[in-house]
Amino acid sequence: MPATGKPVGAHPKRLLKRAEFLAVRRGEKRRGRLFLVEVLGRSDAEAPRVGYT
């Protein structure tokens, strides 16, 4: 984090296609009481992507 206190990095983009959501299902899962987080590592340098359902 720089001296300004704001994090540095790319803003996340969104998952929009069903195929992208299905691909993420192959990754790691973290279950909470109220939500589920699924993570799939990528080998490219693109911004992280987030999907909401």
PDB file of N, CA and C in Angstrom:
ATOM      1  N   MET A   1       0.850  -1.169   0.000  1.00  0.00           N
ATOM      2  CA  MET A   1       0.000   0.000   0.000  1.00  0.00           C
ATOM      3  C   MET A   1       0.898   1.235   0.000  1.00  0.00           C
ATOM      4  N   PRO A   2       0.660   2.181  -0.885  1.00  0.00           N
ATOM      5  CA  PRO A   2       1.478   3.385  -0.930  1.00  0.00           C
ATOM      6  C   PRO A   2       1.165   4.316   0.242  1.00  0.00           C
ATOM      7  N   ALA A   3       1.930   5.397   0.343  1.00  0.00           N
ATOM      8  CA  ALA A   3       1.790   6.343   1.447  1.00  0.00           C
ATOM      9  C   ALA A   3       0.408   6.993   1.495  1.00  0.00           C
ATOM     10  N   THR A   4      -0.308   7.040   0.395  1.00  0.00           N
ATOM     11  CA  THR A   4      -1.640   7.658   0.381  1.00  0.00           C
ATOM     12  C   THR A   4      -2.677   6.805   1.098  1.00  0.00           C
ATOM     13  N   GLY A   5      -2.360   5.549   1.356  1.00  0.00           N
ATOM     14  CA  GLY A   5      -3.289   4.654   2.032  1.00  0.00           C
ATOM     15  C   GLY A   5      -4.270   3.968   1.110  1.00  0.00           C
ATOM     16  N   LYS A   6      -4.195   4.255  -0.178  1.00  0.00           N
ATOM     17  CA  LYS A   6      -5.078   3.603  -1.141  1.00  0.00           C
ATOM     18  C   LYS A   6      -4.365   2.401  -1.748  1.00  0.00           C
ATOM     19  N   PRO A   7      -5.041   1.265  -1.879  1.00  0.00           N
ATOM     20  CA  PRO A   7      -4.393   0.094  -2.473  1.00  0.00           C
ATOM     21  C   PRO A   7      -4.066   0.321  -3.950  1.00  0.00           C
ATOM     22  N   VAL A   8      -2.980  -0.306  -4.376  1.00  0.00           N
ATOM     23  CA  VAL A   8      -2.548  -0.205  -5.768  1.00  0.00           C
ATOM     24  C   VAL A   8      -2.933  -1.491  -6.481  1.00  0.00           C
ATOM     25  N   GLY A   9      -3.392  -1.391  -7.699  1.00  0.00           N
ATOM     26  CA  GLY A   9      -3.731  -2.581  -8.474  1.00  0.00           C
ATOM     27  C   GLY A   9      -4.903  -2.311  -9.384  1.00  0.00           C
ATOM     28  N   ALA A  10      -5.214  -3.308 -10.165  1.00  0.00           N
ATOM     29  CA  ALA A  10      -6.306  -3.176 -11.126  1.00  0.00           C
ATOM     30  C   ALA A  10      -7.648  -3.341 -10.421  1.00  0.00           C
ATOM     31  N   HIS A  11      -8.644  -2.623 -10.904  1.00  0.00           N
ATOM     32  CA  HIS A  11     -10.001  -2.797 -10.396  1.00  0.00           C
ATOM     33  C   HIS A  11     -10.539  -4.116 -10.929  1.00  0.00           C
ATOM     34  N   PRO A  12     -11.260  -4.869 -10.095  1.00  0.00           N
ATOM     35  CA  PRO A  12     -11.799  -6.143 -10.576  1.00  0.00           C
ATOM     36  C   PRO A  12     -12.807  -5.948 -11.697  1.00  0.00           C
ATOM     37  N   LYS A  13     -12.816  -6.898 -12.596  1.00  0.00           N
ATOM     38  CA  LYS A  13     -13.820  -6.932 -13.660  1.00  0.00           C
ATOM     39  C   LYS A  13     -14.857  -7.975 -13.276  1.00  0.00           C
ATOM     40  N   ARG A  14     -15.943  -8.079 -14.038  1.00  0.00           N
ATOM     41  CA  ARG A  14     -17.026  -8.995 -13.695  1.00  0.00           C
ATOM     42  C   ARG A  14     -17.060 -10.212 -14.597  1.00  0.00           C
ATOM     43  N   LEU A  15     -17.443 -11.336 -14.004  1.00  0.00           N
ATOM     44  CA  LEU A  15     -17.777 -12.522 -14.786  1.00  0.00           C
ATOM     45  C   LEU A  15     -19.180 -12.292 -15.325  1.00  0.00           C
ATOM     46  N   LEU A  16     -19.363 -12.497 -16.610  1.00  0.00           N
ATOM     47  CA  LEU A  16     -20.664 -12.225 -17.213  1.00  0.00           C
ATOM     48  C   LEU A  16     -21.277 -13.438 -17.897  1.00  0.00           C
ATOM     49  N   LYS A  17     -20.443 -14.337 -18.389  1.00  0.00           N
ATOM     50  CA  LYS A  17     -20.941 -15.480 -19.155  1.00  0.00           C
ATOM     51  C   LYS A  17     -21.077 -16.715 -18.272  1.00  0.00           C
ATOM     52  N   ARG A  18     -22.077 -17.514 -18.573  1.00  0.00           N
ATOM     53  CA  ARG A  18     -22.307 -18.746 -17.811  1.00  0.00           C
ATOM     54  C   ARG A  18     -21.079 -19.646 -17.839  1.00  0.00           C
ATOM     55  N   ALA A  19     -20.405 -19.716 -18.968  1.00  0.00           N
ATOM     56  CA  ALA A  19     -19.213 -20.559 -19.095  1.00  0.00           C
ATOM     57  C   ALA A  19     -18.120 -20.124 -18.116  1.00  0.00           C
ATOM     58  N   GLU A  20     -18.009 -18.829 -17.856  1.00  0.00           N
ATOM     59  CA  GLU A  20     -17.012 -18.334 -16.898  1.00  0.00           C
ATOM     60  C   GLU A  20     -17.356 -18.787 -15.481  1.00  0.00           C
ATOM     61  N   PHE A  21     -18.635 -18.721 -15.118  1.00  0.00           N
ATOM     62  CA  PHE A  21     -19.063 -19.177 -13.798  1.00  0.00           C
ATOM     63  C   PHE A  21     -18.829 -20.679 -13.638  1.00  0.00           C
ATOM     64  N   LEU A  22     -19.117 -21.450 -14.678  1.00  0.00           N
ATOM     65  CA  LEU A  22     -18.909 -22.897 -14.616  1.00  0.00           C
ATOM     66  C   LEU A  22     -17.430 -23.233 -14.483  1.00  0.00           C
ATOM     67  N   ALA A  23     -16.559 -22.479 -15.130  1.00  0.00           N
ATOM     68  CA  ALA A  23     -15.117 -22.713 -15.022  1.00  0.00           C
ATOM     69  C   ALA A  23     -14.638 -22.488 -13.593  1.00  0.00           C
ATOM     70  N   VAL A  24     -15.144 -21.463 -12.938  1.00  0.00           N
ATOM     71  CA  VAL A  24     -14.724 -21.149 -11.565  1.00  0.00           C
ATOM     72  C   VAL A  24     -15.138 -22.253 -10.600  1.00  0.00           C
ATOM     73  N   ARG A  25     -16.211 -22.962 -10.908  1.00  0.00           N
ATOM     74  CA  ARG A  25     -16.665 -24.050 -10.028  1.00  0.00           C
ATOM     75  C   ARG A  25     -15.619 -25.141  -9.862  1.00  0.00           C
ATOM     76  N   ARG A  26     -14.673 -25.249 -10.805  1.00  0.00           N
ATOM     77  CA  ARG A  26     -13.607 -26.257 -10.706  1.00  0.00           C
ATOM     78  C   ARG A  26     -12.546 -25.862  -9.685  1.00  0.00           C
ATOM     79  N   GLY A  27     -12.576 -24.632  -9.216  1.00  0.00           N
ATOM     80  CA  GLY A  27     -11.537 -24.123  -8.320  1.00  0.00           C
ATOM     81  C   GLY A  27     -11.800 -24.431  -6.857  1.00  0.00           C
ATOM     82  N   GLU A  28     -11.116 -23.689  -6.000  1.00  0.00           N
ATOM     83  CA  GLU A  28     -11.224 -23.833  -4.549  1.00  0.00           C
ATOM     84  C   GLU A  28     -12.508 -23.205  -4.038  1.00  0.00           C
ATOM     85  N   LYS A  29     -13.056 -23.767  -2.955  1.00  0.00           N
ATOM     86  CA  LYS A  29     -14.281 -23.233  -2.362  1.00  0.00           C
ATOM     87  C   LYS A  29     -14.038 -22.900  -0.897  1.00  0.00           C
ATOM     88  N   ARG A  30     -14.570 -21.767  -0.466  1.00  0.00           N
ATOM     89  CA  ARG A  30     -14.541 -21.357   0.941  1.00  0.00           C
ATOM     90  C   ARG A  30     -15.979 -21.071   1.351  1.00  0.00           C
ATOM     91  N   ARG A  31     -16.458 -21.823   2.329  1.00  0.00           N
ATOM     92  CA  ARG A  31     -17.847 -21.671   2.756  1.00  0.00           C
ATOM     93  C   ARG A  31     -17.910 -20.874   4.052  1.00  0.00           C
ATOM     94  N   GLY A  32     -18.779 -19.887   4.055  1.00  0.00           N
ATOM     95  CA  GLY A  32     -19.091 -19.132   5.260  1.00  0.00           C
ATOM     96  C   GLY A  32     -20.515 -19.465   5.675  1.00  0.00           C
ATOM     97  N   ARG A  33     -20.973 -18.850   6.744  1.00  0.00           N
ATOM     98  CA  ARG A  33     -22.353 -19.092   7.173  1.00  0.00           C
ATOM     99  C   ARG A  33     -23.358 -18.515   6.191  1.00  0.00           C
ATOM    100  N   LEU A  34     -23.002 -17.398   5.563  1.00  0.00           N
ATOM    101  CA  LEU A  34     -23.964 -16.699   4.718  1.00  0.00           C
ATOM    102  C   LEU A  34     -23.609 -16.653   3.241  1.00  0.00           C
ATOM    103  N   PHE A  35     -22.406 -17.087   2.885  1.00  0.00           N
ATOM    104  CA  PHE A  35     -22.017 -17.006   1.475  1.00  0.00           C
ATOM    105  C   PHE A  35     -20.956 -18.040   1.150  1.00  0.00           C
ATOM    106  N   LEU A  36     -20.726 -18.232  -0.132  1.00  0.00           N
ATOM    107  CA  LEU A  36     -19.728 -19.160  -0.652  1.00  0.00           C
ATOM    108  C   LEU A  36     -18.801 -18.385  -1.578  1.00  0.00           C
ATOM    109  N   VAL A  37     -17.503 -18.572  -1.409  1.00  0.00           N
ATOM    110  CA  VAL A  37     -16.519 -17.940  -2.291  1.00  0.00           C
ATOM    111  C   VAL A  37     -15.831 -19.049  -3.071  1.00  0.00           C
ATOM    112  N   GLU A  38     -15.814 -18.930  -4.385  1.00  0.00           N
ATOM    113  CA  GLU A  38     -15.120 -19.885  -5.250  1.00  0.00           C
ATOM    114  C   GLU A  38     -13.986 -19.146  -5.947  1.00  0.00           C
ATOM    115  N   VAL A  39     -12.801 -19.775  -5.971  1.00  0.00           N
ATOM    116  CA  VAL A  39     -11.603 -19.134  -6.519  1.00  0.00           C
ATOM    117  C   VAL A  39     -10.947 -20.076  -7.511  1.00  0.00           C
ATOM    118  N   LEU A  40     -10.538 -19.537  -8.651  1.00  0.00           N
ATOM    119  CA  LEU A  40      -9.812 -20.309  -9.648  1.00  0.00           C
ATOM    120  C   LEU A  40      -8.599 -19.501 -10.072  1.00  0.00           C
ATOM    121  N   GLY A  41      -7.407 -20.055  -9.891  1.00  0.00           N
ATOM    122  CA  GLY A  41      -6.183 -19.370 -10.290  1.00  0.00           C
ATOM    123  C   GLY A  41      -6.078 -19.252 -11.798  1.00  0.00           C
ATOM    124  N   ARG A  42      -5.462 -18.167 -12.244  1.00  0.00           N
ATOM    125  CA  ARG A  42      -5.263 -17.938 -13.676  1.00  0.00           C
ATOM    126  C   ARG A  42      -3.791 -17.667 -13.916  1.00  0.00           C
ATOM    127  N   SER A  43      -3.340 -17.953 -15.136  1.00  0.00           N
ATOM    128  CA  SER A  43      -1.922 -17.766 -15.457  1.00  0.00           C
ATOM    129  C   SER A  43      -1.653 -16.464 -16.196  1.00  0.00           C
ATOM    130  N   ASP A  44      -2.689 -15.656 -16.435  1.00  0.00           N
ATOM    131  CA  ASP A  44      -2.469 -14.395 -17.150  1.00  0.00           C
ATOM    132  C   ASP A  44      -2.318 -13.233 -16.159  1.00  0.00           C
ATOM    133  N   ALA A  45      -1.973 -12.072 -16.669  1.00  0.00           N
ATOM    134  CA  ALA A  45      -1.746 -10.897 -15.826  1.00  0.00           C
ATOM    135  C   ALA A  45      -2.933  -9.940 -15.855  1.00  0.00           C
ATOM    136  N   GLU A  46      -4.087 -10.414 -16.265  1.00  0.00           N
ATOM    137  CA  GLU A  46      -5.282  -9.570 -16.335  1.00  0.00           C
ATOM    138  C   GLU A  46      -5.800  -9.255 -14.927  1.00  0.00           C
ATOM    139  N   ALA A  47      -6.693  -8.300 -14.848  1.00  0.00           N
ATOM    140  CA  ALA A  47      -7.310  -7.923 -13.573  1.00  0.00           C
ATOM    141  C   ALA A  47      -8.140  -9.085 -13.034  1.00  0.00           C
ATOM    142  N   PRO A  48      -8.269  -9.194 -11.713  1.00  0.00           N
ATOM    143  CA  PRO A  48      -9.134 -10.236 -11.158  1.00  0.00           C
ATOM    144  C   PRO A  48     -10.575 -10.004 -11.589  1.00  0.00           C
ATOM    145  N   ARG A  49     -11.364 -11.088 -11.627  1.00  0.00           N
ATOM    146  CA  ARG A  49     -12.767 -10.986 -12.029  1.00  0.00           C
ATOM    147  C   ARG A  49     -13.657 -11.519 -10.917  1.00  0.00           C
ATOM    148  N   VAL A  50     -14.813 -10.914 -10.767  1.00  0.00           N
ATOM    149  CA  VAL A  50     -15.759 -11.250  -9.708  1.00  0.00           C
ATOM    150  C   VAL A  50     -17.114 -11.523 -10.342  1.00  0.00           C
ATOM    151  N   GLY A  51     -17.822 -12.518  -9.818  1.00  0.00           N
ATOM    152  CA  GLY A  51     -19.165 -12.805 -10.305  1.00  0.00           C
ATOM    153  C   GLY A  51     -20.152 -12.801  -9.153  1.00  0.00           C
ATOM    154  N   TYR A  52     -21.299 -12.212  -9.377  1.00  0.00           N
ATOM    155  CA  TYR A  52     -22.361 -12.157  -8.372  1.00  0.00           C
ATOM    156  C   TYR A  52     -23.579 -12.880  -8.920  1.00  0.00           C
ATOM    157  N   THR A  53     -24.190 -13.712  -8.081  1.00  0.00           N
ATOM    158  CA  THR A  53     -25.424 -14.385  -8.495  1.00  0.00           C
ATOM    159  C   THR A  53     -26.483 -14.195  -7.440  1.00  0.00           C
TER     160      THR A  53
END
